[in-house]
Each structure stands twice: as C-alpha cells, then as structure tokens.
Amino acid sequence: MEDSVWTGTIEALRARVAGLDPVPAGVAISAATASLALALLAKVLAITGEKKSFSGDRARLAELLASARNESQTAARLGSEDIAAFRRFSASKTALAAREAIEIPINAAHAAVRGLHMCEEAAGLVAGLMVADVAAAAALLAGAVRAILTTVDVNVRQMGCGEEFLAQRSELESEALRCAESITEACRPRR
C-alpha cells in the first residue's frame, strides 16, 4: 500500500482512511489537514499581496507567504513519512522504529504550531472577509496539533519509549492553545 495521502482523489483517501489498513490514520490525516490549512493561509496572503489597497509591509508579506507555502510542503511530507514510519514499526517493533513513530508526529506538530504563528501574524495583515479564512486556517491547525499530540501520548504509552518528547509535547500544546486564542480574539468582530 502507498505511503502518501496525496495521490488519487479525496474520495479515494476517504476510502483508504475508512478501510482496514492501519494507515493512513490520525497523524497522516492531521498533517494533511495542517498542509491544507497552510495552503489556505498562503492563498489569503497571496490575494492580500495583489491588492493595491494593501498598505502593509509587502516584503514581510512575501516572506510570510513563502514560509506558509514551505510549511505546507513540510506538513504534507511528514504525513507521508508518518505512514512509512508506522509501517516500519509494525514490521520490526524495534526501539529505533518506535522512536521514529513518535518523532515524526512531534515534527508534524511543530510544523502546525509554526503555521499558527504565521496565522497570528497574518491576522494583523489581512483585511475584510479574508480574516475568516485566517481564522479557519488557525482552527484547522490547532485541531491538527491536538490530534497529533493525542497520538504522541498513546504512542509513548503503548510503545514504551519516547518519554524525552513529553516536554516538547507539553510546550507544543500550550503554544498551540495560546496562538489559537490570540487569533480568535484578533479575528473577532468588534462592537
């Protein structure tokens, strides 16, 4: 079975997820969600940069756009790597394979948190109805972080290793919550 969630149609992916193969599962789907959320953010930033009425720092906007696109690719790659890592762990049950099956999700959570930081900055640059898309991207990223970290918790417990990742895991969760609240507040309508 293939290790990528990016080939075929969305319907084919949904069928794979609903099937009996153990992967793709939570981390791969969450990483794919993070990748799509970052693509949405990139779209909003690109549209904002095309507007003549944009009076902000165009150079910073371009940097943020490039970062969102790069992080989207990183999240996509990590989703596929998670599938491959879980297959290796299932085949070998070695400590090295178990560690990799925990480290890749941690890296995916880092990518999503970096995306949340980008959304936080973008919330101050984007205007009009596109603010809703920044908030939507942030909500998807925050959900992806929570889902990935849930998998990390279970993997550490079930695989009997990876405790060294638990401090990072806690920091990622705290930072994701802080960013999500900040973005929600920044995007909330003022009365």
Foldseek 3Di string as FASTA:
>chain_A
DALALPDDDPVVSVVVAVDDPPPPYQLLVLLLLLLVLLVLVLVQLVVLLPDPPQPDDSVVSVVLSVLSNVLSVVSRVLSSVLSVLVVVCVVPLDPVSLQSNLVSLLVSLVSLLVLLVSLLVVLVRGDDPSLVSSLVSLVSSLVSLVRSLVVNVVSCVVSVDDPVCVVSNVVSNVSSVVSNVSSCVSSDDDD
